[in-house]
Amino acid sequence: MEAAAAAASSTSVAFSKSKWPLYVPSLPSSSVYHQTPFSSLAHAISPLCLGSSQNKQLLHVAVKGRGRGALRSSANSVSAVASSERWLLEPVGDGDSRHIGFKVPLPDAFVIASDSVTVGRVPDKADVVIPVATVSALHARLEKKGGDLFITDLDSTNGTYIDDKRLRPGAVTTVPPGCRVIFGDVNLAMFRVSKIVEEEVNANEEVEKPNIETSPPDAST
């Protein structure tokens, strides 16, 4: 009983396998969270042909244009006809929830299609809900602008990180593809960021095979 009470109280504890401070607020037992799973969001992307850049986590998705158009996917260039960009955040934490005091599942992946979304623990305050006690009620803001993704920490209790760098609250920071964003909890709220480019190809364009970036062959082989 004493261990459960200590885990639920508002105390500062350490991340599992991490030296970062962590504040775990007490939550009412009746708290209910709702989050749209990635599987229901991803259908809007309609991936018919997919290329992937391993180094920059850049995904290109070719979709049908008007009529009976051809499809094209390339990891090296963007279609000159039309393209729209989305960002995918996939959970990559180890799922260790011992610092919370009870079992907590990893959150779902989510796609950022809007120009601006907020991230937090409470559905009434955030657009994207991460039901983890160490995530603040309103934690951070993500914005798409000029082909890039930006993040702003909204004075969260446990902080927002890009890889191992903690962001200054209120400072707008670029989020590069392939990095890891941490919303206050490296075990339960760490996400790998990928950029998705949806390309529309007209019927008159040629069909090209997907060109996927790979590492150069080892000279010794």
N, C-alpha and C. Protein backbone atom coordinates (compact mmCIF):
# COMPACT_ATOMS: atom_id res chain seq x y z
N MET A 1 0.83 -1.21 0.00
CA MET A 1 0.00 0.00 0.00
C MET A 1 0.86 1.26 0.00
N GLU A 2 1.95 1.22 0.79
CA GLU A 2 2.81 2.40 0.84
C GLU A 2 3.48 2.65 -0.50
N ALA A 3 3.86 1.58 -1.19
CA ALA A 3 4.50 1.75 -2.51
C ALA A 3 3.52 2.33 -3.50
N ALA A 4 2.24 1.90 -3.49
CA ALA A 4 1.24 2.42 -4.43
C ALA A 4 0.95 3.88 -4.13
N ALA A 5 0.89 4.23 -2.85
CA ALA A 5 0.62 5.63 -2.51
C ALA A 5 1.76 6.52 -2.93
N ALA A 6 3.00 6.03 -2.78
CA ALA A 6 4.15 6.84 -3.17
C ALA A 6 4.19 7.06 -4.65
N ALA A 7 3.77 6.04 -5.44
CA ALA A 7 3.79 6.18 -6.90
C ALA A 7 2.74 7.14 -7.37
N ALA A 8 1.60 7.23 -6.69
CA ALA A 8 0.51 8.08 -7.13
C ALA A 8 0.63 9.49 -6.62
N SER A 9 1.49 9.74 -5.64
CA SER A 9 1.60 11.08 -5.07
C SER A 9 2.38 11.99 -5.97
N SER A 10 2.26 13.30 -5.71
CA SER A 10 2.95 14.29 -6.54
C SER A 10 4.38 14.45 -6.06
N THR A 11 5.24 13.55 -6.46
CA THR A 11 6.63 13.57 -6.07
C THR A 11 7.50 13.53 -7.28
N SER A 12 8.79 13.87 -7.10
CA SER A 12 9.74 13.83 -8.19
C SER A 12 10.49 12.53 -8.13
N VAL A 13 10.41 11.77 -9.23
CA VAL A 13 11.10 10.49 -9.30
C VAL A 13 11.96 10.49 -10.54
N ALA A 14 12.67 9.41 -10.79
CA ALA A 14 13.57 9.37 -11.94
C ALA A 14 12.99 8.51 -13.03
N PHE A 15 13.31 8.87 -14.30
CA PHE A 15 12.95 8.01 -15.41
C PHE A 15 13.63 6.67 -15.23
N SER A 16 12.96 5.61 -15.67
CA SER A 16 13.62 4.32 -15.72
C SER A 16 14.74 4.40 -16.75
N LYS A 17 15.93 4.03 -16.36
CA LYS A 17 17.10 4.08 -17.24
C LYS A 17 17.39 5.50 -17.68
N SER A 18 17.10 6.49 -16.90
CA SER A 18 17.34 7.88 -17.27
C SER A 18 17.56 8.70 -16.02
N LYS A 19 18.34 9.77 -16.15
CA LYS A 19 18.64 10.63 -15.01
C LYS A 19 17.71 11.83 -14.96
N TRP A 20 16.79 11.96 -15.94
CA TRP A 20 15.93 13.12 -16.00
C TRP A 20 14.92 13.11 -14.86
N PRO A 21 14.58 14.29 -14.33
CA PRO A 21 13.53 14.35 -13.29
C PRO A 21 12.16 14.09 -13.90
N LEU A 22 11.27 13.59 -13.10
CA LEU A 22 9.95 13.23 -13.59
C LEU A 22 8.93 13.50 -12.51
N TYR A 23 7.87 14.20 -12.87
CA TYR A 23 6.80 14.50 -11.92
C TYR A 23 5.58 13.68 -12.29
N VAL A 24 5.08 12.90 -11.35
CA VAL A 24 3.92 12.04 -11.61
C VAL A 24 2.74 12.57 -10.82
N PRO A 25 1.78 13.24 -11.48
CA PRO A 25 0.62 13.76 -10.75
C PRO A 25 -0.34 12.64 -10.41
N SER A 26 -1.13 12.85 -9.36
CA SER A 26 -2.15 11.87 -9.02
C SER A 26 -3.34 12.06 -9.93
N LEU A 27 -3.95 10.96 -10.38
CA LEU A 27 -5.06 11.01 -11.31
C LEU A 27 -6.28 10.37 -10.67
N PRO A 28 -7.47 10.93 -10.90
CA PRO A 28 -8.67 10.29 -10.37
C PRO A 28 -8.91 8.96 -11.04
N SER A 29 -9.41 8.00 -10.28
CA SER A 29 -9.62 6.66 -10.84
C SER A 29 -10.66 6.64 -11.94
N SER A 30 -11.49 7.68 -12.00
CA SER A 30 -12.55 7.72 -13.01
C SER A 30 -12.10 8.34 -14.32
N SER A 31 -10.82 8.73 -14.41
CA SER A 31 -10.33 9.39 -15.62
C SER A 31 -10.44 8.45 -16.81
N VAL A 32 -11.00 8.95 -17.89
CA VAL A 32 -11.15 8.16 -19.11
C VAL A 32 -10.55 8.94 -20.26
N TYR A 33 -9.73 8.30 -21.07
CA TYR A 33 -9.07 8.96 -22.17
C TYR A 33 -9.52 8.34 -23.48
N HIS A 34 -9.57 9.19 -24.49
CA HIS A 34 -9.97 8.71 -25.82
C HIS A 34 -8.92 9.18 -26.82
N GLN A 35 -8.48 8.28 -27.66
CA GLN A 35 -7.53 8.63 -28.70
C GLN A 35 -7.82 7.83 -29.94
N THR A 36 -7.80 8.51 -31.09
CA THR A 36 -8.03 7.83 -32.34
C THR A 36 -6.80 7.04 -32.73
N PRO A 37 -6.90 5.72 -32.90
CA PRO A 37 -5.73 4.93 -33.25
C PRO A 37 -5.22 5.29 -34.64
N PHE A 38 -3.91 5.05 -34.84
CA PHE A 38 -3.30 5.38 -36.11
C PHE A 38 -3.94 4.63 -37.26
N SER A 39 -4.41 3.42 -37.01
CA SER A 39 -5.00 2.62 -38.09
C SER A 39 -6.19 3.32 -38.72
N SER A 40 -6.96 4.08 -37.92
CA SER A 40 -8.12 4.77 -38.47
C SER A 40 -7.75 6.10 -39.10
N LEU A 41 -6.57 6.64 -38.73
CA LEU A 41 -6.12 7.88 -39.34
C LEU A 41 -5.39 7.61 -40.65
N ALA A 42 -4.69 6.51 -40.70
CA ALA A 42 -3.81 6.25 -41.83
C ALA A 42 -4.57 5.99 -43.12
N HIS A 43 -5.86 5.63 -43.02
CA HIS A 43 -6.59 5.34 -44.25
C HIS A 43 -6.70 6.57 -45.13
N ALA A 44 -6.61 7.76 -44.52
CA ALA A 44 -6.70 8.99 -45.30
C ALA A 44 -5.48 9.20 -46.18
N ILE A 45 -4.37 8.51 -45.86
CA ILE A 45 -3.16 8.66 -46.66
C ILE A 45 -3.27 7.88 -47.96
N SER A 46 -4.01 6.78 -47.94
CA SER A 46 -4.21 5.92 -49.10
C SER A 46 -2.90 5.55 -49.78
N PRO A 47 -2.00 4.85 -49.12
CA PRO A 47 -0.71 4.53 -49.72
C PRO A 47 -0.84 3.46 -50.79
N LEU A 48 -0.63 3.84 -52.04
CA LEU A 48 -0.68 2.88 -53.14
C LEU A 48 0.72 2.46 -53.56
N CYS A 49 1.68 3.32 -53.29
CA CYS A 49 3.07 2.99 -53.59
C CYS A 49 3.92 3.78 -52.62
N LEU A 50 4.90 3.14 -51.99
CA LEU A 50 5.57 3.77 -50.87
C LEU A 50 7.08 3.67 -51.01
N GLY A 51 7.76 4.80 -50.84
CA GLY A 51 9.21 4.82 -50.78
C GLY A 51 9.64 5.34 -49.44
N SER A 52 10.85 4.98 -48.98
CA SER A 52 11.29 5.39 -47.65
C SER A 52 12.76 5.75 -47.67
N SER A 53 13.10 6.90 -47.08
CA SER A 53 14.48 7.28 -46.88
C SER A 53 14.91 6.86 -45.49
N GLN A 54 15.84 5.94 -45.40
CA GLN A 54 16.23 5.40 -44.11
C GLN A 54 16.92 6.43 -43.24
N ASN A 55 17.65 7.36 -43.85
CA ASN A 55 18.41 8.32 -43.07
C ASN A 55 17.55 9.44 -42.51
N LYS A 56 16.58 9.91 -43.27
CA LYS A 56 15.80 11.07 -42.86
C LYS A 56 14.35 10.76 -42.54
N GLN A 57 13.98 9.49 -42.56
CA GLN A 57 12.60 9.11 -42.28
C GLN A 57 11.63 9.90 -43.16
N LEU A 58 11.91 9.92 -44.46
CA LEU A 58 11.07 10.62 -45.43
C LEU A 58 10.30 9.58 -46.22
N LEU A 59 8.98 9.59 -46.10
CA LEU A 59 8.14 8.63 -46.78
C LEU A 59 7.39 9.31 -47.91
N HIS A 60 7.42 8.72 -49.09
CA HIS A 60 6.69 9.27 -50.23
C HIS A 60 5.56 8.31 -50.59
N VAL A 61 4.35 8.85 -50.69
CA VAL A 61 3.18 8.04 -51.00
C VAL A 61 2.57 8.56 -52.29
N ALA A 62 2.47 7.69 -53.30
CA ALA A 62 1.88 8.07 -54.58
C ALA A 62 0.39 7.74 -54.56
N VAL A 63 -0.44 8.68 -55.00
CA VAL A 63 -1.87 8.46 -55.06
C VAL A 63 -2.36 8.73 -56.46
N LYS A 64 -3.52 8.20 -56.81
CA LYS A 64 -4.06 8.35 -58.15
C LYS A 64 -4.43 9.80 -58.41
N GLY A 65 -4.11 10.25 -59.62
CA GLY A 65 -4.55 11.56 -60.06
C GLY A 65 -5.90 11.43 -60.73
N ARG A 66 -6.30 12.43 -61.48
CA ARG A 66 -7.59 12.38 -62.17
C ARG A 66 -7.56 11.31 -63.26
N GLY A 67 -8.70 10.74 -63.51
CA GLY A 67 -8.80 9.74 -64.57
C GLY A 67 -8.10 8.47 -64.19
N ARG A 68 -7.41 7.86 -65.15
CA ARG A 68 -6.75 6.58 -64.93
C ARG A 68 -5.26 6.79 -64.93
N GLY A 69 -4.82 7.68 -64.07
CA GLY A 69 -3.43 8.10 -64.08
C GLY A 69 -2.46 7.04 -63.60
N ALA A 70 -1.19 7.24 -63.96
CA ALA A 70 -0.13 6.36 -63.50
C ALA A 70 0.26 6.74 -62.08
N LEU A 71 1.02 5.86 -61.43
CA LEU A 71 1.47 6.10 -60.07
C LEU A 71 2.97 6.24 -60.06
N ARG A 72 3.47 7.12 -59.18
CA ARG A 72 4.92 7.28 -59.08
C ARG A 72 5.29 7.51 -57.62
N SER A 73 6.39 6.93 -57.22
CA SER A 73 6.89 7.14 -55.88
C SER A 73 8.39 7.26 -55.94
N SER A 74 8.92 8.30 -55.31
CA SER A 74 10.35 8.51 -55.31
C SER A 74 10.79 9.09 -53.99
N ALA A 75 11.85 8.55 -53.43
CA ALA A 75 12.39 9.07 -52.18
C ALA A 75 13.39 10.18 -52.43
N ASN A 76 13.68 10.49 -53.69
CA ASN A 76 14.67 11.51 -54.00
C ASN A 76 14.07 12.83 -54.44
N SER A 77 12.84 12.81 -54.92
CA SER A 77 12.25 14.05 -55.42
C SER A 77 10.76 14.06 -55.15
N VAL A 78 10.20 15.25 -55.17
CA VAL A 78 8.77 15.43 -54.94
C VAL A 78 8.08 15.64 -56.26
N SER A 79 6.92 15.06 -56.44
CA SER A 79 6.17 15.18 -57.69
C SER A 79 5.94 16.64 -58.03
N ALA A 80 6.14 16.99 -59.28
CA ALA A 80 5.95 18.36 -59.71
C ALA A 80 4.48 18.70 -59.90
N VAL A 81 3.63 17.68 -59.91
CA VAL A 81 2.21 17.91 -60.17
C VAL A 81 1.51 18.43 -58.92
N ALA A 82 1.53 17.68 -57.87
CA ALA A 82 0.88 18.11 -56.64
C ALA A 82 1.40 17.26 -55.49
N SER A 83 1.53 17.86 -54.33
CA SER A 83 1.96 17.10 -53.16
C SER A 83 1.41 17.74 -51.90
N SER A 84 1.14 16.92 -50.91
CA SER A 84 0.74 17.41 -49.61
C SER A 84 1.55 16.66 -48.57
N GLU A 85 1.90 17.34 -47.50
CA GLU A 85 2.80 16.77 -46.51
C GLU A 85 2.07 16.50 -45.20
N ARG A 86 2.39 15.38 -44.62
CA ARG A 86 1.90 15.03 -43.30
C ARG A 86 3.08 14.50 -42.50
N TRP A 87 2.89 14.45 -41.21
CA TRP A 87 3.96 13.98 -40.32
C TRP A 87 3.42 12.85 -39.46
N LEU A 88 4.20 11.80 -39.36
CA LEU A 88 3.83 10.62 -38.59
C LEU A 88 4.69 10.55 -37.34
N LEU A 89 4.06 10.38 -36.18
CA LEU A 89 4.77 10.19 -34.93
C LEU A 89 4.44 8.80 -34.39
N GLU A 90 5.45 7.95 -34.29
CA GLU A 90 5.28 6.56 -33.87
C GLU A 90 5.92 6.35 -32.49
N PRO A 91 5.22 5.74 -31.55
CA PRO A 91 5.79 5.52 -30.22
C PRO A 91 6.96 4.54 -30.27
N VAL A 92 8.06 4.90 -29.62
CA VAL A 92 9.26 4.04 -29.62
C VAL A 92 9.82 3.87 -28.21
N GLY A 93 9.04 4.24 -27.18
CA GLY A 93 9.48 4.03 -25.81
C GLY A 93 9.51 2.55 -25.46
N ASP A 94 10.19 2.23 -24.36
CA ASP A 94 10.30 0.82 -23.97
C ASP A 94 9.09 0.32 -23.18
N GLY A 95 8.15 1.21 -22.86
CA GLY A 95 6.93 0.80 -22.19
C GLY A 95 7.05 0.57 -20.69
N ASP A 96 8.21 0.86 -20.12
CA ASP A 96 8.41 0.65 -18.68
C ASP A 96 7.58 1.68 -17.91
N SER A 97 6.64 1.22 -17.09
CA SER A 97 5.76 2.14 -16.35
C SER A 97 5.91 1.99 -14.84
N ARG A 98 7.03 1.45 -14.38
CA ARG A 98 7.23 1.27 -12.94
C ARG A 98 7.25 2.60 -12.19
N HIS A 99 7.70 3.66 -12.85
CA HIS A 99 7.72 4.96 -12.19
C HIS A 99 6.31 5.53 -12.02
N ILE A 100 5.35 5.03 -12.78
CA ILE A 100 3.96 5.45 -12.63
C ILE A 100 3.30 4.70 -11.46
N GLY A 101 3.65 3.45 -11.30
CA GLY A 101 3.08 2.66 -10.22
C GLY A 101 2.04 1.65 -10.67
N PHE A 102 1.68 1.69 -11.95
CA PHE A 102 0.73 0.73 -12.49
C PHE A 102 0.98 0.60 -13.98
N LYS A 103 0.45 -0.45 -14.58
CA LYS A 103 0.69 -0.73 -15.99
C LYS A 103 0.04 0.33 -16.87
N VAL A 104 0.82 0.88 -17.81
CA VAL A 104 0.32 1.89 -18.74
C VAL A 104 0.71 1.45 -20.16
N PRO A 105 -0.24 1.28 -21.07
CA PRO A 105 0.11 0.89 -22.43
C PRO A 105 0.74 2.06 -23.19
N LEU A 106 1.55 1.74 -24.17
CA LEU A 106 2.11 2.78 -25.03
C LEU A 106 0.99 3.47 -25.80
N PRO A 107 1.12 4.78 -26.02
CA PRO A 107 0.09 5.48 -26.80
C PRO A 107 0.14 5.06 -28.27
N ASP A 108 -0.93 5.40 -28.98
CA ASP A 108 -0.99 5.10 -30.41
C ASP A 108 -0.11 6.06 -31.20
N ALA A 109 0.27 5.62 -32.39
CA ALA A 109 0.89 6.54 -33.35
C ALA A 109 -0.17 7.53 -33.83
N PHE A 110 0.26 8.69 -34.29
CA PHE A 110 -0.69 9.65 -34.83
C PHE A 110 -0.08 10.43 -35.98
N VAL A 111 -0.96 10.88 -36.88
CA VAL A 111 -0.57 11.64 -38.06
C VAL A 111 -0.98 13.10 -37.89
N ILE A 112 -0.06 14.00 -38.19
CA ILE A 112 -0.36 15.43 -38.14
C ILE A 112 -0.70 15.89 -39.54
N ALA A 113 -1.98 16.15 -39.79
CA ALA A 113 -2.43 16.62 -41.09
C ALA A 113 -2.82 18.09 -41.03
N SER A 114 -3.21 18.59 -39.88
CA SER A 114 -3.61 19.99 -39.72
C SER A 114 -2.37 20.88 -39.61
N ASP A 115 -2.56 22.17 -39.81
CA ASP A 115 -1.45 23.11 -39.71
C ASP A 115 -0.94 23.24 -38.28
N SER A 116 -1.82 23.05 -37.31
CA SER A 116 -1.42 23.20 -35.92
C SER A 116 -2.26 22.27 -35.04
N VAL A 117 -1.59 21.53 -34.14
CA VAL A 117 -2.28 20.67 -33.18
C VAL A 117 -1.59 20.81 -31.83
N THR A 118 -2.36 20.62 -30.78
CA THR A 118 -1.80 20.60 -29.44
C THR A 118 -1.76 19.17 -28.93
N VAL A 119 -0.80 18.90 -28.06
CA VAL A 119 -0.60 17.57 -27.49
C VAL A 119 -0.68 17.68 -25.97
N GLY A 120 -1.39 16.75 -25.36
CA GLY A 120 -1.49 16.76 -23.91
C GLY A 120 -2.20 15.55 -23.37
N ARG A 121 -2.43 15.55 -22.06
CA ARG A 121 -3.03 14.40 -21.39
C ARG A 121 -4.55 14.49 -21.30
N VAL A 122 -5.10 15.70 -21.31
CA VAL A 122 -6.52 15.91 -21.05
C VAL A 122 -7.26 16.18 -22.36
N PRO A 123 -8.28 15.38 -22.69
CA PRO A 123 -8.99 15.56 -23.96
C PRO A 123 -9.62 16.93 -24.15
N ASP A 124 -10.08 17.56 -23.07
CA ASP A 124 -10.72 18.87 -23.20
C ASP A 124 -9.74 19.98 -23.53
N LYS A 125 -8.44 19.71 -23.37
CA LYS A 125 -7.44 20.76 -23.58
C LYS A 125 -6.55 20.51 -24.80
N ALA A 126 -6.41 19.26 -25.23
CA ALA A 126 -5.46 18.93 -26.29
C ALA A 126 -6.15 18.26 -27.47
N ASP A 127 -5.59 18.51 -28.67
CA ASP A 127 -6.11 17.86 -29.87
C ASP A 127 -5.67 16.40 -29.94
N VAL A 128 -4.41 16.14 -29.61
CA VAL A 128 -3.87 14.79 -29.57
C VAL A 128 -3.67 14.41 -28.11
N VAL A 129 -4.31 13.34 -27.68
CA VAL A 129 -4.29 12.94 -26.27
C VAL A 129 -3.32 11.79 -26.06
N ILE A 130 -2.37 11.99 -25.13
CA ILE A 130 -1.45 10.94 -24.70
C ILE A 130 -1.82 10.60 -23.26
N PRO A 131 -2.52 9.50 -23.02
CA PRO A 131 -3.03 9.18 -21.69
C PRO A 131 -1.97 8.62 -20.75
N VAL A 132 -0.98 9.45 -20.46
CA VAL A 132 0.12 9.07 -19.57
C VAL A 132 0.22 10.14 -18.49
N ALA A 133 0.31 9.72 -17.22
CA ALA A 133 0.26 10.66 -16.11
C ALA A 133 1.38 11.69 -16.13
N THR A 134 2.52 11.36 -16.71
CA THR A 134 3.67 12.26 -16.72
C THR A 134 3.61 13.29 -17.85
N VAL A 135 2.64 13.18 -18.72
CA VAL A 135 2.39 14.18 -19.76
C VAL A 135 1.47 15.24 -19.17
N SER A 136 1.78 16.51 -19.40
CA SER A 136 0.96 17.59 -18.85
C SER A 136 -0.39 17.65 -19.54
N ALA A 137 -1.35 18.27 -18.86
CA ALA A 137 -2.70 18.40 -19.42
C ALA A 137 -2.65 19.05 -20.79
N LEU A 138 -1.89 20.12 -20.93
CA LEU A 138 -1.59 20.76 -22.21
C LEU A 138 -0.08 20.85 -22.29
N HIS A 139 0.53 20.00 -23.09
CA HIS A 139 1.98 19.80 -23.02
C HIS A 139 2.76 20.59 -24.07
N ALA A 140 2.35 20.47 -25.34
CA ALA A 140 3.13 21.08 -26.43
C ALA A 140 2.24 21.38 -27.62
N ARG A 141 2.77 22.18 -28.53
CA ARG A 141 2.07 22.49 -29.79
C ARG A 141 2.97 22.07 -30.95
N LEU A 142 2.38 21.43 -31.96
CA LEU A 142 3.07 21.05 -33.18
C LEU A 142 2.46 21.82 -34.34
N GLU A 143 3.34 22.40 -35.19
CA GLU A 143 2.86 23.23 -36.31
C GLU A 143 3.60 22.87 -37.58
N LYS A 144 2.85 22.79 -38.69
CA LYS A 144 3.43 22.61 -40.02
C LYS A 144 3.54 23.98 -40.69
N LYS A 145 4.72 24.25 -41.25
CA LYS A 145 4.90 25.53 -41.92
C LYS A 145 6.06 25.44 -42.90
N GLY A 146 5.79 25.78 -44.16
CA GLY A 146 6.85 25.82 -45.17
C GLY A 146 7.55 24.49 -45.39
N GLY A 147 6.84 23.38 -45.22
CA GLY A 147 7.44 22.08 -45.43
C GLY A 147 8.17 21.53 -44.22
N ASP A 148 8.18 22.26 -43.12
CA ASP A 148 8.85 21.82 -41.91
C ASP A 148 7.85 21.63 -40.78
N LEU A 149 8.30 20.93 -39.76
CA LEU A 149 7.49 20.73 -38.56
C LEU A 149 8.16 21.45 -37.40
N PHE A 150 7.37 22.17 -36.62
CA PHE A 150 7.88 22.92 -35.48
C PHE A 150 7.16 22.48 -34.21
N ILE A 151 7.85 22.57 -33.09
CA ILE A 151 7.26 22.21 -31.81
C ILE A 151 7.53 23.31 -30.79
N THR A 152 6.56 23.53 -29.92
CA THR A 152 6.69 24.51 -28.85
C THR A 152 6.25 23.87 -27.54
N ASP A 153 7.12 23.88 -26.55
CA ASP A 153 6.72 23.39 -25.23
C ASP A 153 5.85 24.44 -24.56
N LEU A 154 4.70 24.01 -24.05
CA LEU A 154 3.73 24.93 -23.45
C LEU A 154 3.86 24.93 -21.93
N ASP A 155 5.09 25.13 -21.46
CA ASP A 155 5.39 25.20 -20.03
C ASP A 155 4.97 23.92 -19.32
N SER A 156 5.30 22.78 -19.91
CA SER A 156 4.94 21.49 -19.33
C SER A 156 5.78 21.21 -18.09
N THR A 157 5.26 20.35 -17.23
CA THR A 157 5.95 20.03 -15.97
C THR A 157 7.23 19.24 -16.20
N ASN A 158 7.17 18.20 -17.02
CA ASN A 158 8.32 17.32 -17.23
C ASN A 158 9.11 17.64 -18.50
N GLY A 159 8.69 18.67 -19.22
CA GLY A 159 9.48 19.13 -20.36
C GLY A 159 9.22 18.39 -21.65
N THR A 160 9.66 19.02 -22.74
CA THR A 160 9.60 18.43 -24.08
C THR A 160 11.02 18.36 -24.61
N TYR A 161 11.37 17.23 -25.20
CA TYR A 161 12.73 17.00 -25.66
C TYR A 161 12.74 16.64 -27.14
N ILE A 162 13.79 17.08 -27.84
CA ILE A 162 14.13 16.54 -29.16
C ILE A 162 15.40 15.76 -28.96
N ASP A 163 15.31 14.45 -29.09
CA ASP A 163 16.39 13.53 -28.70
C ASP A 163 16.73 13.79 -27.24
N ASP A 164 17.95 14.21 -26.91
CA ASP A 164 18.30 14.40 -25.50
C ASP A 164 18.34 15.88 -25.10
N LYS A 165 17.82 16.75 -25.95
CA LYS A 165 17.86 18.19 -25.67
C LYS A 165 16.49 18.67 -25.19
N ARG A 166 16.47 19.24 -23.99
CA ARG A 166 15.22 19.78 -23.46
C ARG A 166 14.97 21.15 -24.08
N LEU A 167 13.73 21.39 -24.50
CA LEU A 167 13.37 22.64 -25.15
C LEU A 167 12.98 23.69 -24.12
N ARG A 168 13.32 24.92 -24.43
CA ARG A 168 12.91 26.02 -23.56
C ARG A 168 11.43 26.31 -23.77
N PRO A 169 10.65 26.40 -22.70
CA PRO A 169 9.21 26.66 -22.85
C PRO A 169 8.95 27.93 -23.66
N GLY A 170 8.04 27.82 -24.62
CA GLY A 170 7.68 28.95 -25.45
C GLY A 170 8.53 29.14 -26.68
N ALA A 171 9.67 28.45 -26.77
CA ALA A 171 10.57 28.59 -27.91
C ALA A 171 10.13 27.66 -29.04
N VAL A 172 9.94 28.22 -30.22
CA VAL A 172 9.55 27.43 -31.40
C VAL A 172 10.79 26.75 -31.96
N THR A 173 10.76 25.42 -32.07
CA THR A 173 11.94 24.65 -32.46
C THR A 173 11.61 23.74 -33.63
N THR A 174 12.51 23.66 -34.61
CA THR A 174 12.33 22.78 -35.76
C THR A 174 12.48 21.32 -35.34
N VAL A 175 11.60 20.48 -35.88
CA VAL A 175 11.65 19.04 -35.61
C VAL A 175 12.14 18.34 -36.88
N PRO A 176 13.38 17.88 -36.93
CA PRO A 176 13.87 17.22 -38.15
C PRO A 176 13.33 15.81 -38.29
N PRO A 177 13.06 15.36 -39.53
CA PRO A 177 12.63 13.97 -39.73
C PRO A 177 13.67 12.99 -39.20
N GLY A 178 13.21 11.93 -38.58
CA GLY A 178 14.10 10.93 -38.06
C GLY A 178 14.48 11.11 -36.60
N CYS A 179 14.16 12.27 -36.03
CA CYS A 179 14.50 12.51 -34.62
C CYS A 179 13.46 11.87 -33.71
N ARG A 180 13.71 11.93 -32.43
CA ARG A 180 12.77 11.44 -31.42
C ARG A 180 12.29 12.61 -30.57
N VAL A 181 10.99 12.72 -30.45
CA VAL A 181 10.39 13.75 -29.62
C VAL A 181 9.85 13.09 -28.35
N ILE A 182 10.17 13.67 -27.20
CA ILE A 182 9.75 13.12 -25.91
C ILE A 182 8.85 14.13 -25.22
N PHE A 183 7.62 13.70 -24.93
CA PHE A 183 6.68 14.54 -24.21
C PHE A 183 6.71 14.17 -22.72
N GLY A 184 7.80 14.53 -22.06
CA GLY A 184 7.89 14.38 -20.61
C GLY A 184 8.22 13.01 -20.08
N ASP A 185 8.20 11.96 -20.90
CA ASP A 185 8.41 10.60 -20.40
C ASP A 185 9.11 9.77 -21.46
N VAL A 186 10.38 9.46 -21.23
CA VAL A 186 11.17 8.74 -22.23
C VAL A 186 10.71 7.30 -22.40
N ASN A 187 10.03 6.74 -21.40
CA ASN A 187 9.56 5.36 -21.48
C ASN A 187 8.22 5.22 -22.18
N LEU A 188 7.33 6.18 -21.94
CA LEU A 188 5.95 6.03 -22.39
C LEU A 188 5.49 7.07 -23.41
N ALA A 189 6.22 8.15 -23.59
CA ALA A 189 5.78 9.21 -24.50
C ALA A 189 6.92 9.70 -25.38
N MET A 190 7.70 8.74 -25.91
CA MET A 190 8.75 9.07 -26.86
C MET A 190 8.31 8.60 -28.24
N PHE A 191 8.44 9.48 -29.24
CA PHE A 191 7.94 9.21 -30.59
C PHE A 191 9.03 9.46 -31.63
N ARG A 192 9.12 8.57 -32.62
CA ARG A 192 9.99 8.81 -33.77
C ARG A 192 9.20 9.58 -34.82
N VAL A 193 9.81 10.61 -35.39
CA VAL A 193 9.14 11.51 -36.32
C VAL A 193 9.50 11.17 -37.75
N SER A 194 8.48 11.00 -38.60
CA SER A 194 8.69 10.76 -40.03
C SER A 194 7.84 11.75 -40.82
N LYS A 195 8.38 12.16 -41.95
CA LYS A 195 7.66 13.07 -42.83
C LYS A 195 7.06 12.28 -43.98
N ILE A 196 5.77 12.48 -44.24
CA ILE A 196 5.07 11.78 -45.31
C ILE A 196 4.72 12.78 -46.39
N VAL A 197 5.11 12.51 -47.61
CA VAL A 197 4.78 13.36 -48.75
C VAL A 197 3.82 12.59 -49.64
N GLU A 198 2.61 13.09 -49.78
CA GLU A 198 1.60 12.46 -50.62
C GLU A 198 1.63 13.13 -51.99
N GLU A 199 1.86 12.34 -53.01
CA GLU A 199 2.03 12.88 -54.36
C GLU A 199 0.88 12.47 -55.27
N GLU A 200 0.36 13.42 -56.03
CA GLU A 200 -0.67 13.13 -57.02
C GLU A 200 -0.05 13.19 -58.40
N VAL A 201 -0.27 12.16 -59.19
CA VAL A 201 0.34 12.06 -60.52
C VAL A 201 -0.75 12.08 -61.57
N ASN A 202 -0.60 12.93 -62.60
CA ASN A 202 -1.57 13.02 -63.67
C ASN A 202 -1.48 11.81 -64.59
N ALA A 203 -2.52 11.62 -65.37
CA ALA A 203 -2.61 10.45 -66.25
C ALA A 203 -1.52 10.44 -67.30
N ASN A 204 -1.01 11.62 -67.71
CA ASN A 204 -0.04 11.69 -68.79
C ASN A 204 1.39 11.44 -68.31
N GLU A 205 1.61 11.36 -67.01
CA GLU A 205 2.96 11.18 -66.52
C GLU A 205 3.40 9.73 -66.67
N GLU A 206 4.71 9.55 -66.83
CA GLU A 206 5.26 8.22 -67.00
C GLU A 206 5.26 7.48 -65.66
N VAL A 207 5.26 6.16 -65.79
CA VAL A 207 5.35 5.32 -64.60
C VAL A 207 6.83 5.12 -64.27
N GLU A 208 7.19 5.38 -63.03
CA GLU A 208 8.56 5.16 -62.58
C GLU A 208 8.56 4.23 -61.40
N LYS A 209 9.57 3.37 -61.33
CA LYS A 209 9.68 2.48 -60.20
C LYS A 209 10.10 3.27 -58.96
N PRO A 210 9.65 2.84 -57.80
CA PRO A 210 10.07 3.53 -56.58
C PRO A 210 11.58 3.54 -56.44
N ASN A 211 12.13 4.71 -56.12
CA ASN A 211 13.55 4.86 -55.92
C ASN A 211 13.79 5.06 -54.43
N ILE A 212 14.29 4.05 -53.79
CA ILE A 212 14.44 4.07 -52.34
C ILE A 212 15.91 4.23 -51.99
N GLU A 213 16.21 5.22 -51.14
CA GLU A 213 17.58 5.46 -50.72
C GLU A 213 18.06 4.30 -49.87
N THR A 214 19.27 3.85 -50.16
CA THR A 214 19.88 2.81 -49.35
C THR A 214 21.31 3.21 -49.05
N SER A 215 21.91 2.55 -48.10
CA SER A 215 23.30 2.83 -47.76
C SER A 215 24.20 2.32 -48.87
N PRO A 216 25.33 3.02 -49.15
CA PRO A 216 26.24 2.56 -50.21
C PRO A 216 26.85 1.22 -49.83
N PRO A 217 27.14 0.37 -50.83
CA PRO A 217 27.72 -0.95 -50.54
C PRO A 217 29.09 -0.84 -49.91
N ASP A 218 29.42 -1.78 -49.07
CA ASP A 218 30.72 -1.81 -48.41
C ASP A 218 31.79 -2.09 -49.44
N ALA A 219 32.83 -1.27 -49.46
CA ALA A 219 33.90 -1.41 -50.46
C ALA A 219 34.63 -2.73 -50.33
N SER A 220 34.57 -3.31 -49.13
CA SER A 220 35.30 -4.56 -48.90
C SER A 220 34.59 -5.78 -49.46
N THR A 221 33.30 -5.60 -49.83
CA THR A 221 32.54 -6.75 -50.33
C THR A 221 32.57 -6.79 -51.84
